[in-house]
Amino acid sequence: MGKIFYLTLGWCAVALGLLGVILPVLPTTPFLLIAAFAFGNSSPRARAWLIDHAHFGPAIRDWEERGAISRRAKTLAVSMMALVFVISLILGAPWWVLLLQASLMGAGAAFVLTRPD
């Protein structure tokens, strides 16, 4: 795929990651990891900016070097999953939606919790 595609993907992922800072139901880090990958295939300068960023860089470096997720990020991720499930219960979501949410978020939580700190 072309350099323009990866550059566009990278900046779209950064935009979604920035939205995730504001919206608790949208994860930030996965989008920034996608951006780092895309910039690695298109723009060394943009990748360096992202990796050296004071707020976003440490999480990306931890993931790339050790596959690690910080304890704070784990707590936040699992808490948000639980909150979304509780809201779904309160709003009276159908049983199949609750089952699907529990299955998918349970798998996501298990993945997050089994990564090194």
PDB file of N, CA and C in Angstrom:
ATOM      1  N   MET A   1       0.841  -1.180   0.000  1.00  0.00           N
ATOM      2  CA  MET A   1       0.000   0.000   0.000  1.00  0.00           C
ATOM      3  C   MET A   1       0.877   1.231   0.000  1.00  0.00           C
ATOM      4  N   GLY A   2       0.309   2.320  -0.445  1.00  0.00           N
ATOM      5  CA  GLY A   2       1.090   3.520  -0.642  1.00  0.00           C
ATOM      6  C   GLY A   2       1.322   4.347   0.604  1.00  0.00           C
ATOM      7  N   LYS A   3       2.321   5.182   0.461  1.00  0.00           N
ATOM      8  CA  LYS A   3       2.710   6.076   1.541  1.00  0.00           C
ATOM      9  C   LYS A   3       1.553   6.999   1.950  1.00  0.00           C
ATOM     10  N   ILE A   4       0.812   7.482   0.976  1.00  0.00           N
ATOM     11  CA  ILE A   4      -0.321   8.385   1.256  1.00  0.00           C
ATOM     12  C   ILE A   4      -1.378   7.663   2.084  1.00  0.00           C
ATOM     13  N   PHE A   5      -1.647   6.400   1.754  1.00  0.00           N
ATOM     14  CA  PHE A   5      -2.633   5.617   2.510  1.00  0.00           C
ATOM     15  C   PHE A   5      -2.218   5.535   3.979  1.00  0.00           C
ATOM     16  N   TYR A   6      -0.958   5.155   4.246  1.00  0.00           N
ATOM     17  CA  TYR A   6      -0.493   5.011   5.619  1.00  0.00           C
ATOM     18  C   TYR A   6      -0.451   6.345   6.355  1.00  0.00           C
ATOM     19  N   LEU A   7      -0.091   7.397   5.661  1.00  0.00           N
ATOM     20  CA  LEU A   7      -0.076   8.715   6.285  1.00  0.00           C
ATOM     21  C   LEU A   7      -1.497   9.137   6.672  1.00  0.00           C
ATOM     22  N   THR A   8      -2.445   8.912   5.768  1.00  0.00           N
ATOM     23  CA  THR A   8      -3.846   9.233   6.049  1.00  0.00           C
ATOM     24  C   THR A   8      -4.371   8.378   7.202  1.00  0.00           C
ATOM     25  N   LEU A   9      -4.067   7.081   7.165  1.00  0.00           N
ATOM     26  CA  LEU A   9      -4.475   6.188   8.249  1.00  0.00           C
ATOM     27  C   LEU A   9      -3.897   6.657   9.578  1.00  0.00           C
ATOM     28  N   GLY A  10      -2.638   7.042   9.569  1.00  0.00           N
ATOM     29  CA  GLY A  10      -1.990   7.509  10.792  1.00  0.00           C
ATOM     30  C   GLY A  10      -2.667   8.728  11.389  1.00  0.00           C
ATOM     31  N   TRP A  11      -2.950   9.729  10.551  1.00  0.00           N
ATOM     32  CA  TRP A  11      -3.573  10.946  11.082  1.00  0.00           C
ATOM     33  C   TRP A  11      -5.021  10.716  11.487  1.00  0.00           C
ATOM     34  N   CYS A  12      -5.732   9.831  10.785  1.00  0.00           N
ATOM     35  CA  CYS A  12      -7.105   9.479  11.207  1.00  0.00           C
ATOM     36  C   CYS A  12      -7.064   8.772  12.561  1.00  0.00           C
ATOM     37  N   ALA A  13      -6.082   7.885  12.745  1.00  0.00           N
ATOM     38  CA  ALA A  13      -5.948   7.183  14.021  1.00  0.00           C
ATOM     39  C   ALA A  13      -5.586   8.157  15.145  1.00  0.00           C
ATOM     40  N   VAL A  14      -4.731   9.135  14.861  1.00  0.00           N
ATOM     41  CA  VAL A  14      -4.408  10.153  15.867  1.00  0.00           C
ATOM     42  C   VAL A  14      -5.669  10.930  16.235  1.00  0.00           C
ATOM     43  N   ALA A  15      -6.466  11.305  15.244  1.00  0.00           N
ATOM     44  CA  ALA A  15      -7.701  12.052  15.512  1.00  0.00           C
ATOM     45  C   ALA A  15      -8.651  11.230  16.395  1.00  0.00           C
ATOM     46  N   LEU A  16      -8.809   9.941  16.086  1.00  0.00           N
ATOM     47  CA  LEU A  16      -9.672   9.089  16.907  1.00  0.00           C
ATOM     48  C   LEU A  16      -9.093   8.917  18.306  1.00  0.00           C
ATOM     49  N   GLY A  17      -7.778   8.807  18.392  1.00  0.00           N
ATOM     50  CA  GLY A  17      -7.138   8.709  19.698  1.00  0.00           C
ATOM     51  C   GLY A  17      -7.361   9.959  20.537  1.00  0.00           C
ATOM     52  N   LEU A  18      -7.297  11.118  19.915  1.00  0.00           N
ATOM     53  CA  LEU A  18      -7.554  12.362  20.632  1.00  0.00           C
ATOM     54  C   LEU A  18      -9.010  12.455  21.078  1.00  0.00           C
ATOM     55  N   LEU A  19      -9.923  11.960  20.267  1.00  0.00           N
ATOM     56  CA  LEU A  19     -11.328  11.894  20.688  1.00  0.00           C
ATOM     57  C   LEU A  19     -11.475  10.976  21.898  1.00  0.00           C
ATOM     58  N   GLY A  20     -10.683   9.904  21.912  1.00  0.00           N
ATOM     59  CA  GLY A  20     -10.717   8.977  23.030  1.00  0.00           C
ATOM     60  C   GLY A  20     -10.271   9.590  24.342  1.00  0.00           C
ATOM     61  N   VAL A  21      -9.479  10.649  24.282  1.00  0.00           N
ATOM     62  CA  VAL A  21      -9.082  11.358  25.504  1.00  0.00           C
ATOM     63  C   VAL A  21     -10.312  12.012  26.125  1.00  0.00           C
ATOM     64  N   ILE A  22     -11.224  12.472  25.293  1.00  0.00           N
ATOM     65  CA  ILE A  22     -12.414  13.191  25.754  1.00  0.00           C
ATOM     66  C   ILE A  22     -13.573  12.246  26.045  1.00  0.00           C
ATOM     67  N   LEU A  23     -13.761  11.242  25.194  1.00  0.00           N
ATOM     68  CA  LEU A  23     -14.890  10.314  25.319  1.00  0.00           C
ATOM     69  C   LEU A  23     -14.447   9.029  26.023  1.00  0.00           C
ATOM     70  N   PRO A  24     -15.009   8.744  27.185  1.00  0.00           N
ATOM     71  CA  PRO A  24     -14.540   7.583  27.946  1.00  0.00           C
ATOM     72  C   PRO A  24     -14.837   6.235  27.289  1.00  0.00           C
ATOM     73  N   VAL A  25     -15.762   6.176  26.349  1.00  0.00           N
ATOM     74  CA  VAL A  25     -16.079   4.890  25.716  1.00  0.00           C
ATOM     75  C   VAL A  25     -15.215   4.611  24.488  1.00  0.00           C
ATOM     76  N   LEU A  26     -14.383   5.553  24.103  1.00  0.00           N
ATOM     77  CA  LEU A  26     -13.513   5.378  22.942  1.00  0.00           C
ATOM     78  C   LEU A  26     -12.075   5.249  23.431  1.00  0.00           C
ATOM     79  N   PRO A  27     -11.440   4.112  23.157  1.00  0.00           N
ATOM     80  CA  PRO A  27     -10.073   3.928  23.667  1.00  0.00           C
ATOM     81  C   PRO A  27      -9.059   4.778  22.908  1.00  0.00           C
ATOM     82  N   THR A  28      -8.089   5.297  23.620  1.00  0.00           N
ATOM     83  CA  THR A  28      -7.063   6.136  23.015  1.00  0.00           C
ATOM     84  C   THR A  28      -5.878   5.329  22.512  1.00  0.00           C
ATOM     85  N   THR A  29      -5.328   4.502  23.370  1.00  0.00           N
ATOM     86  CA  THR A  29      -4.064   3.824  23.076  1.00  0.00           C
ATOM     87  C   THR A  29      -4.089   2.954  21.822  1.00  0.00           C
ATOM     88  N   PRO A  30      -5.135   2.129  21.601  1.00  0.00           N
ATOM     89  CA  PRO A  30      -5.104   1.319  20.372  1.00  0.00           C
ATOM     90  C   PRO A  30      -5.013   2.164  19.098  1.00  0.00           C
ATOM     91  N   PHE A  31      -5.682   3.295  19.093  1.00  0.00           N
ATOM     92  CA  PHE A  31      -5.608   4.155  17.913  1.00  0.00           C
ATOM     93  C   PHE A  31      -4.212   4.758  17.759  1.00  0.00           C
ATOM     94  N   LEU A  32      -3.580   5.091  18.875  1.00  0.00           N
ATOM     95  CA  LEU A  32      -2.227   5.636  18.795  1.00  0.00           C
ATOM     96  C   LEU A  32      -1.226   4.564  18.380  1.00  0.00           C
ATOM     97  N   LEU A  33      -1.463   3.316  18.760  1.00  0.00           N
ATOM     98  CA  LEU A  33      -0.604   2.228  18.290  1.00  0.00           C
ATOM     99  C   LEU A  33      -0.745   2.037  16.783  1.00  0.00           C
ATOM    100  N   ILE A  34      -1.965   2.143  16.295  1.00  0.00           N
ATOM    101  CA  ILE A  34      -2.204   2.067  14.842  1.00  0.00           C
ATOM    102  C   ILE A  34      -1.492   3.229  14.150  1.00  0.00           C
ATOM    103  N   ALA A  35      -1.596   4.415  14.745  1.00  0.00           N
ATOM    104  CA  ALA A  35      -0.929   5.589  14.161  1.00  0.00           C
ATOM    105  C   ALA A  35       0.577   5.390  14.111  1.00  0.00           C
ATOM    106  N   ALA A  36       1.160   4.857  15.180  1.00  0.00           N
ATOM    107  CA  ALA A  36       2.612   4.623  15.200  1.00  0.00           C
ATOM    108  C   ALA A  36       3.009   3.643  14.100  1.00  0.00           C
ATOM    109  N   PHE A  37       2.223   2.589  13.929  1.00  0.00           N
ATOM    110  CA  PHE A  37       2.490   1.623  12.860  1.00  0.00           C
ATOM    111  C   PHE A  37       2.383   2.291  11.487  1.00  0.00           C
ATOM    112  N   ALA A  38       1.297   3.036  11.277  1.00  0.00           N
ATOM    113  CA  ALA A  38       1.077   3.678   9.977  1.00  0.00           C
ATOM    114  C   ALA A  38       2.173   4.706   9.678  1.00  0.00           C
ATOM    115  N   PHE A  39       2.541   5.492  10.677  1.00  0.00           N
ATOM    116  CA  PHE A  39       3.602   6.472  10.465  1.00  0.00           C
ATOM    117  C   PHE A  39       4.942   5.784  10.214  1.00  0.00           C
ATOM    118  N   GLY A  40       5.134   4.617  10.810  1.00  0.00           N
ATOM    119  CA  GLY A  40       6.355   3.855  10.562  1.00  0.00           C
ATOM    120  C   GLY A  40       6.486   3.434   9.112  1.00  0.00           C
ATOM    121  N   ASN A  41       5.345   3.327   8.421  1.00  0.00           N
ATOM    122  CA  ASN A  41       5.330   2.966   7.012  1.00  0.00           C
ATOM    123  C   ASN A  41       5.217   4.179   6.084  1.00  0.00           C
ATOM    124  N   SER A  42       5.148   5.379   6.660  1.00  0.00           N
ATOM    125  CA  SER A  42       4.931   6.529   5.784  1.00  0.00           C
ATOM    126  C   SER A  42       5.726   7.770   6.149  1.00  0.00           C
ATOM    127  N   SER A  43       5.901   8.051   7.443  1.00  0.00           N
ATOM    128  CA  SER A  43       6.519   9.320   7.825  1.00  0.00           C
ATOM    129  C   SER A  43       7.350   9.169   9.100  1.00  0.00           C
ATOM    130  N   PRO A  44       8.661   9.014   8.962  1.00  0.00           N
ATOM    131  CA  PRO A  44       9.511   8.924  10.153  1.00  0.00           C
ATOM    132  C   PRO A  44       9.374  10.142  11.070  1.00  0.00           C
ATOM    133  N   ARG A  45       9.142  11.299  10.480  1.00  0.00           N
ATOM    134  CA  ARG A  45       8.999  12.525  11.274  1.00  0.00           C
ATOM    135  C   ARG A  45       7.737  12.479  12.138  1.00  0.00           C
ATOM    136  N   ALA A  46       6.603  12.043  11.553  1.00  0.00           N
ATOM    137  CA  ALA A  46       5.356  11.946  12.317  1.00  0.00           C
ATOM    138  C   ALA A  46       5.481  10.864  13.393  1.00  0.00           C
ATOM    139  N   ARG A  47       6.140   9.754  13.055  1.00  0.00           N
ATOM    140  CA  ARG A  47       6.332   8.688  14.043  1.00  0.00           C
ATOM    141  C   ARG A  47       7.183   9.188  15.209  1.00  0.00           C
ATOM    142  N   ALA A  48       8.251   9.897  14.903  1.00  0.00           N
ATOM    143  CA  ALA A  48       9.109  10.446  15.962  1.00  0.00           C
ATOM    144  C   ALA A  48       8.323  11.402  16.853  1.00  0.00           C
ATOM    145  N   TRP A  49       7.470  12.226  16.252  1.00  0.00           N
ATOM    146  CA  TRP A  49       6.643  13.153  17.027  1.00  0.00           C
ATOM    147  C   TRP A  49       5.749  12.376  17.991  1.00  0.00           C
ATOM    148  N   LEU A  50       5.125  11.307  17.504  1.00  0.00           N
ATOM    149  CA  LEU A  50       4.204  10.524  18.320  1.00  0.00           C
ATOM    150  C   LEU A  50       4.954   9.777  19.431  1.00  0.00           C
ATOM    151  N   ILE A  51       6.056   9.147  19.084  1.00  0.00           N
ATOM    152  CA  ILE A  51       6.831   8.374  20.060  1.00  0.00           C
ATOM    153  C   ILE A  51       7.448   9.280  21.129  1.00  0.00           C
ATOM    154  N   ASP A  52       7.828  10.494  20.746  1.00  0.00           N
ATOM    155  CA  ASP A  52       8.448  11.430  21.684  1.00  0.00           C
ATOM    156  C   ASP A  52       7.437  12.294  22.427  1.00  0.00           C
ATOM    157  N   HIS A  53       6.143  12.148  22.126  1.00  0.00           N
ATOM    158  CA  HIS A  53       5.106  12.952  22.771  1.00  0.00           C
ATOM    159  C   HIS A  53       5.097  12.670  24.277  1.00  0.00           C
ATOM    160  N   ALA A  54       5.005  13.714  25.062  1.00  0.00           N
ATOM    161  CA  ALA A  54       5.089  13.576  26.521  1.00  0.00           C
ATOM    162  C   ALA A  54       3.974  12.702  27.097  1.00  0.00           C
ATOM    163  N   HIS A  55       2.765  12.778  26.550  1.00  0.00           N
ATOM    164  CA  HIS A  55       1.631  12.030  27.103  1.00  0.00           C
ATOM    165  C   HIS A  55       1.418  10.690  26.408  1.00  0.00           C
ATOM    166  N   PHE A  56       1.567  10.648  25.113  1.00  0.00           N
ATOM    167  CA  PHE A  56       1.245   9.434  24.354  1.00  0.00           C
ATOM    168  C   PHE A  56       2.445   8.510  24.155  1.00  0.00           C
ATOM    169  N   GLY A  57       3.639   9.072  24.120  1.00  0.00           N
ATOM    170  CA  GLY A  57       4.836   8.299  23.827  1.00  0.00           C
ATOM    171  C   GLY A  57       5.122   7.142  24.771  1.00  0.00           C
ATOM    172  N   PRO A  58       5.037   7.349  26.092  1.00  0.00           N
ATOM    173  CA  PRO A  58       5.378   6.255  27.006  1.00  0.00           C
ATOM    174  C   PRO A  58       4.533   4.993  26.800  1.00  0.00           C
ATOM    175  N   ALA A  59       3.241   5.147  26.590  1.00  0.00           N
ATOM    176  CA  ALA A  59       2.377   3.968  26.387  1.00  0.00           C
ATOM    177  C   ALA A  59       2.748   3.234  25.102  1.00  0.00           C
ATOM    178  N   ILE A  60       3.055   3.980  24.066  1.00  0.00           N
ATOM    179  CA  ILE A  60       3.435   3.358  22.784  1.00  0.00           C
ATOM    180  C   ILE A  60       4.774   2.640  22.936  1.00  0.00           C
ATOM    181  N   ARG A  61       5.735   3.286  23.570  1.00  0.00           N
ATOM    182  CA  ARG A  61       7.052   2.659  23.767  1.00  0.00           C
ATOM    183  C   ARG A  61       6.940   1.404  24.632  1.00  0.00           C
ATOM    184  N   ASP A  62       6.143   1.469  25.706  1.00  0.00           N
ATOM    185  CA  ASP A  62       5.956   0.291  26.566  1.00  0.00           C
ATOM    186  C   ASP A  62       5.385  -0.876  25.777  1.00  0.00           C
ATOM    187  N   TRP A  63       4.399  -0.586  24.932  1.00  0.00           N
ATOM    188  CA  TRP A  63       3.775  -1.645  24.147  1.00  0.00           C
ATOM    189  C   TRP A  63       4.758  -2.226  23.128  1.00  0.00           C
ATOM    190  N   GLU A  64       5.455  -1.360  22.419  1.00  0.00           N
ATOM    191  CA  GLU A  64       6.363  -1.828  21.382  1.00  0.00           C
ATOM    192  C   GLU A  64       7.566  -2.584  21.957  1.00  0.00           C
ATOM    193  N   GLU A  65       8.050  -2.159  23.105  1.00  0.00           N
ATOM    194  CA  GLU A  65       9.235  -2.783  23.679  1.00  0.00           C
ATOM    195  C   GLU A  65       8.942  -4.049  24.474  1.00  0.00           C
ATOM    196  N   ARG A  66       7.802  -4.058  25.220  1.00  0.00           N
ATOM    197  CA  ARG A  66       7.539  -5.173  26.121  1.00  0.00           C
ATOM    198  C   ARG A  66       6.127  -5.731  26.037  1.00  0.00           C
ATOM    199  N   GLY A  67       5.285  -5.180  25.186  1.00  0.00           N
ATOM    200  CA  GLY A  67       3.892  -5.612  25.150  1.00  0.00           C
ATOM    201  C   GLY A  67       3.176  -5.265  26.445  1.00  0.00           C
ATOM    202  N   ALA A  68       3.617  -4.188  27.104  1.00  0.00           N
ATOM    203  CA  ALA A  68       3.132  -3.832  28.438  1.00  0.00           C
ATOM    204  C   ALA A  68       2.047  -2.763  28.386  1.00  0.00           C
ATOM    205  N   ILE A  69       1.149  -2.850  29.368  1.00  0.00           N
ATOM    206  CA  ILE A  69       0.104  -1.845  29.576  1.00  0.00           C
ATOM    207  C   ILE A  69       0.235  -1.398  31.026  1.00  0.00           C
ATOM    208  N   SER A  70       0.259  -0.101  31.269  1.00  0.00           N
ATOM    209  CA  SER A  70       0.439   0.403  32.637  1.00  0.00           C
ATOM    210  C   SER A  70      -0.733  -0.020  33.524  1.00  0.00           C
ATOM    211  N   ARG A  71      -0.452  -0.123  34.802  1.00  0.00           N
ATOM    212  CA  ARG A  71      -1.494  -0.491  35.772  1.00  0.00           C
ATOM    213  C   ARG A  71      -2.647   0.506  35.732  1.00  0.00           C
ATOM    214  N   ARG A  72      -2.330   1.778  35.609  1.00  0.00           N
ATOM    215  CA  ARG A  72      -3.366   2.825  35.539  1.00  0.00           C
ATOM    216  C   ARG A  72      -4.258   2.625  34.314  1.00  0.00           C
ATOM    217  N   ALA A  73      -3.644   2.316  33.170  1.00  0.00           N
ATOM    218  CA  ALA A  73      -4.411   2.100  31.945  1.00  0.00           C
ATOM    219  C   ALA A  73      -5.272   0.849  32.052  1.00  0.00           C
ATOM    220  N   LYS A  74      -4.735  -0.195  32.674  1.00  0.00           N
ATOM    221  CA  LYS A  74      -5.524  -1.414  32.879  1.00  0.00           C
ATOM    222  C   LYS A  74      -6.755  -1.125  33.738  1.00  0.00           C
ATOM    223  N   THR A  75      -6.530  -0.424  34.843  1.00  0.00           N
ATOM    224  CA  THR A  75      -7.631  -0.093  35.750  1.00  0.00           C
ATOM    225  C   THR A  75      -8.688   0.733  35.037  1.00  0.00           C
ATOM    226  N   LEU A  76      -8.254   1.720  34.285  1.00  0.00           N
ATOM    227  CA  LEU A  76      -9.185   2.576  33.559  1.00  0.00           C
ATOM    228  C   LEU A  76      -9.961   1.784  32.504  1.00  0.00           C
ATOM    229  N   ALA A  77      -9.267   0.935  31.758  1.00  0.00           N
ATOM    230  CA  ALA A  77      -9.919   0.167  30.701  1.00  0.00           C
ATOM    231  C   ALA A  77     -10.975  -0.779  31.269  1.00  0.00           C
ATOM    232  N   VAL A  78     -10.615  -1.528  32.289  1.00  0.00           N
ATOM    233  CA  VAL A  78     -11.558  -2.496  32.865  1.00  0.00           C
ATOM    234  C   VAL A  78     -12.710  -1.765  33.563  1.00  0.00           C
ATOM    235  N   SER A  79     -12.429  -0.654  34.205  1.00  0.00           N
ATOM    236  CA  SER A  79     -13.485   0.138  34.854  1.00  0.00           C
ATOM    237  C   SER A  79     -14.491   0.663  33.835  1.00  0.00           C
ATOM    238  N   MET A  80     -13.987   1.150  32.706  1.00  0.00           N
ATOM    239  CA  MET A  80     -14.885   1.667  31.667  1.00  0.00           C
ATOM    240  C   MET A  80     -15.743   0.544  31.070  1.00  0.00           C
ATOM    241  N   MET A  81     -15.152  -0.634  30.899  1.00  0.00           N
ATOM    242  CA  MET A  81     -15.929  -1.776  30.406  1.00  0.00           C
ATOM    243  C   MET A  81     -17.054  -2.104  31.385  1.00  0.00           C
ATOM    244  N   ALA A  82     -16.727  -2.141  32.668  1.00  0.00           N
ATOM    245  CA  ALA A  82     -17.736  -2.438  33.686  1.00  0.00           C
ATOM    246  C   ALA A  82     -18.816  -1.359  33.711  1.00  0.00           C
ATOM    247  N   LEU A  83     -18.414  -0.106  33.587  1.00  0.00           N
ATOM    248  CA  LEU A  83     -19.376   0.994  33.584  1.00  0.00           C
ATOM    249  C   LEU A  83     -20.339   0.885  32.408  1.00  0.00           C
ATOM    250  N   VAL A  84     -19.812   0.585  31.235  1.00  0.00           N
ATOM    251  CA  VAL A  84     -20.677   0.435  30.053  1.00  0.00           C
ATOM    252  C   VAL A  84     -21.666  -0.710  30.263  1.00  0.00           C
ATOM    253  N   PHE A  85     -21.206  -1.807  30.853  1.00  0.00           N
ATOM    254  CA  PHE A  85     -22.096  -2.937  31.105  1.00  0.00           C
ATOM    255  C   PHE A  85     -23.185  -2.561  32.106  1.00  0.00           C
ATOM    256  N   VAL A  86     -22.826  -1.863  33.168  1.00  0.00           N
ATOM    257  CA  VAL A  86     -23.809  -1.431  34.170  1.00  0.00           C
ATOM    258  C   VAL A  86     -24.826  -0.480  33.538  1.00  0.00           C
ATOM    259  N   ILE A  87     -24.366   0.427  32.719  1.00  0.00           N
ATOM    260  CA  ILE A  87     -25.296   1.351  32.031  1.00  0.00           C
ATOM    261  C   ILE A  87     -26.252   0.566  31.140  1.00  0.00           C
ATOM    262  N   SER A  88     -25.744  -0.436  30.450  1.00  0.00           N
ATOM    263  CA  SER A  88     -26.603  -1.272  29.609  1.00  0.00           C
ATOM    264  C   SER A  88     -27.653  -1.987  30.451  1.00  0.00           C
ATOM    265  N   LEU A  89     -27.265  -2.470  31.619  1.00  0.00           N
ATOM    266  CA  LEU A  89     -28.222  -3.109  32.533  1.00  0.00           C
ATOM    267  C   LEU A  89     -29.303  -2.128  32.973  1.00  0.00           C
ATOM    268  N   ILE A  90     -28.861  -0.936  33.374  1.00  0.00           N
ATOM    269  CA  ILE A  90     -29.801   0.085  33.851  1.00  0.00           C
ATOM    270  C   ILE A  90     -30.770   0.497  32.757  1.00  0.00           C
ATOM    271  N   LEU A  91     -30.276   0.611  31.541  1.00  0.00           N
ATOM    272  CA  LEU A  91     -31.125   1.028  30.422  1.00  0.00           C
ATOM    273  C   LEU A  91     -32.002  -0.110  29.899  1.00  0.00           C
ATOM    274  N   GLY A  92     -31.814  -1.307  30.432  1.00  0.00           N
ATOM    275  CA  GLY A  92     -32.670  -2.432  30.048  1.00  0.00           C
ATOM    276  C   GLY A  92     -32.355  -3.019  28.685  1.00  0.00           C
ATOM    277  N   ALA A  93     -31.095  -3.152  28.375  1.00  0.00           N
ATOM    278  CA  ALA A  93     -30.704  -3.757  27.094  1.00  0.00           C
ATOM    279  C   ALA A  93     -31.202  -5.200  27.048  1.00  0.00           C
ATOM    280  N   PRO A  94     -31.520  -5.693  25.860  1.00  0.00           N
ATOM    281  CA  PRO A  94     -31.983  -7.082  25.726  1.00  0.00           C
ATOM    282  C   PRO A  94     -30.913  -8.067  26.233  1.00  0.00           C
ATOM    283  N   TRP A  95     -31.353  -9.243  26.653  1.00  0.00           N
ATOM    284  CA  TRP A  95     -30.443 -10.238  27.227  1.00  0.00           C
ATOM    285  C   TRP A  95     -29.315 -10.608  26.278  1.00  0.00           C
ATOM    286  N   TRP A  96     -29.637 -10.680  24.967  1.00  0.00           N
ATOM    287  CA  TRP A  96     -28.607 -11.093  24.007  1.00  0.00           C
ATOM    288  C   TRP A  96     -27.531 -10.018  23.850  1.00  0.00           C
ATOM    289  N   VAL A  97     -27.923  -8.750  24.009  1.00  0.00           N
ATOM    290  CA  VAL A  97     -26.938  -7.662  23.951  1.00  0.00           C
ATOM    291  C   VAL A  97     -26.038  -7.732  25.178  1.00  0.00           C
ATOM    292  N   LEU A  98     -26.643  -7.981  26.341  1.00  0.00           N
ATOM    293  CA  LEU A  98     -25.864  -8.104  27.571  1.00  0.00           C
ATOM    294  C   LEU A  98     -24.896  -9.292  27.486  1.00  0.00           C
ATOM    295  N   LEU A  99     -25.378 -10.403  26.946  1.00  0.00           N
ATOM    296  CA  LEU A  99     -24.532 -11.583  26.788  1.00  0.00           C
ATOM    297  C   LEU A  99     -23.364 -11.296  25.838  1.00  0.00           C
ATOM    298  N   LEU A 100     -23.665 -10.636  24.730  1.00  0.00           N
ATOM    299  CA  LEU A 100     -22.631 -10.281  23.767  1.00  0.00           C
ATOM    300  C   LEU A 100     -21.610  -9.319  24.397  1.00  0.00           C
ATOM    301  N   GLN A 101     -22.127  -8.309  25.086  1.00  0.00           N
ATOM    302  CA  GLN A 101     -21.228  -7.362  25.759  1.00  0.00           C
ATOM    303  C   GLN A 101     -20.358  -8.067  26.785  1.00  0.00           C
ATOM    304  N   ALA A 102     -20.960  -8.904  27.606  1.00  0.00           N
ATOM    305  CA  ALA A 102     -20.204  -9.602  28.643  1.00  0.00           C
ATOM    306  C   ALA A 102     -19.119 -10.480  28.020  1.00  0.00           C
ATOM    307  N   SER A 103     -19.450 -11.155  26.933  1.00  0.00           N
ATOM    308  CA  SER A 103     -18.477 -12.030  26.280  1.00  0.00           C
ATOM    309  C   SER A 103     -17.324 -11.232  25.682  1.00  0.00           C
ATOM    310  N   LEU A 104     -17.646 -10.212  24.918  1.00  0.00           N
ATOM    311  CA  LEU A 104     -16.610  -9.434  24.238  1.00  0.00           C
ATOM    312  C   LEU A 104     -15.784  -8.595  25.209  1.00  0.00           C
ATOM    313  N   MET A 105     -16.461  -7.942  26.145  1.00  0.00           N
ATOM    314  CA  MET A 105     -15.712  -7.137  27.109  1.00  0.00           C
ATOM    315  C   MET A 105     -14.937  -8.026  28.072  1.00  0.00           C
ATOM    316  N   GLY A 106     -15.468  -9.207  28.386  1.00  0.00           N
ATOM    317  CA  GLY A 106     -14.725 -10.149  29.224  1.00  0.00           C
ATOM    318  C   GLY A 106     -13.440 -10.584  28.540  1.00  0.00           C
ATOM    319  N   ALA A 107     -13.522 -10.876  27.246  1.00  0.00           N
ATOM    320  CA  ALA A 107     -12.326 -11.255  26.490  1.00  0.00           C
ATOM    321  C   ALA A 107     -11.341 -10.081  26.431  1.00  0.00           C
ATOM    322  N   GLY A 108     -11.868  -8.879  26.193  1.00  0.00           N
ATOM    323  CA  GLY A 108     -11.008  -7.691  26.169  1.00  0.00           C
ATOM    324  C   GLY A 108     -10.338  -7.442  27.511  1.00  0.00           C
ATOM    325  N   ALA A 109     -11.097  -7.576  28.588  1.00  0.00           N
ATOM    326  CA  ALA A 109     -10.547  -7.373  29.931  1.00  0.00           C
ATOM    327  C   ALA A 109      -9.486  -8.432  30.244  1.00  0.00           C
ATOM    328  N   ALA A 110      -9.756  -9.670  29.855  1.00  0.00           N
ATOM    329  CA  ALA A 110      -8.778 -10.738  30.096  1.00  0.00           C
ATOM    330  C   ALA A 110      -7.475 -10.446  29.358  1.00  0.00           C
ATOM    331  N   PHE A 111      -7.572  -9.987  28.130  1.00  0.00           N
ATOM    332  CA  PHE A 111      -6.374  -9.638  27.362  1.00  0.00           C
ATOM    333  C   PHE A 111      -5.593  -8.529  28.048  1.00  0.00           C
ATOM    334  N   VAL A 112      -6.300  -7.460  28.397  1.00  0.00           N
ATOM    335  CA  VAL A 112      -5.648  -6.304  29.025  1.00  0.00           C
ATOM    336  C   VAL A 112      -4.988  -6.698  30.344  1.00  0.00           C
ATOM    337  N   LEU A 113      -5.694  -7.467  31.146  1.00  0.00           N
ATOM    338  CA  LEU A 113      -5.185  -7.811  32.478  1.00  0.00           C
ATOM    339  C   LEU A 113      -4.022  -8.796  32.437  1.00  0.00           C
ATOM    340  N   THR A 114      -3.885  -9.531  31.349  1.00  0.00           N
ATOM    341  CA  THR A 114      -2.784 -10.502  31.265  1.00  0.00           C
ATOM    342  C   THR A 114      -1.504  -9.914  30.650  1.00  0.00           C
ATOM    343  N   ARG A 115      -1.539  -8.660  30.213  1.00  0.00           N
ATOM    344  CA  ARG A 115      -0.325  -8.004  29.716  1.00  0.00           C
ATOM    345  C   ARG A 115       0.541  -7.605  30.889  1.00  0.00           C
ATOM    346  N   PRO A 116       1.860  -7.560  30.688  1.00  0.00           N
ATOM    347  CA  PRO A 116       2.730  -7.092  31.783  1.00  0.00           C
ATOM    348  C   PRO A 116       2.485  -5.625  32.094  1.00  0.00           C
ATOM    349  N   ASP A 117       2.842  -5.235  33.338  1.00  0.00           N
ATOM    350  CA  ASP A 117       2.684  -3.819  33.764  1.00  0.00           C
ATOM    351  C   ASP A 117       3.846  -2.992  33.244  1.00  0.00           C
TER     352      ASP A 117
END
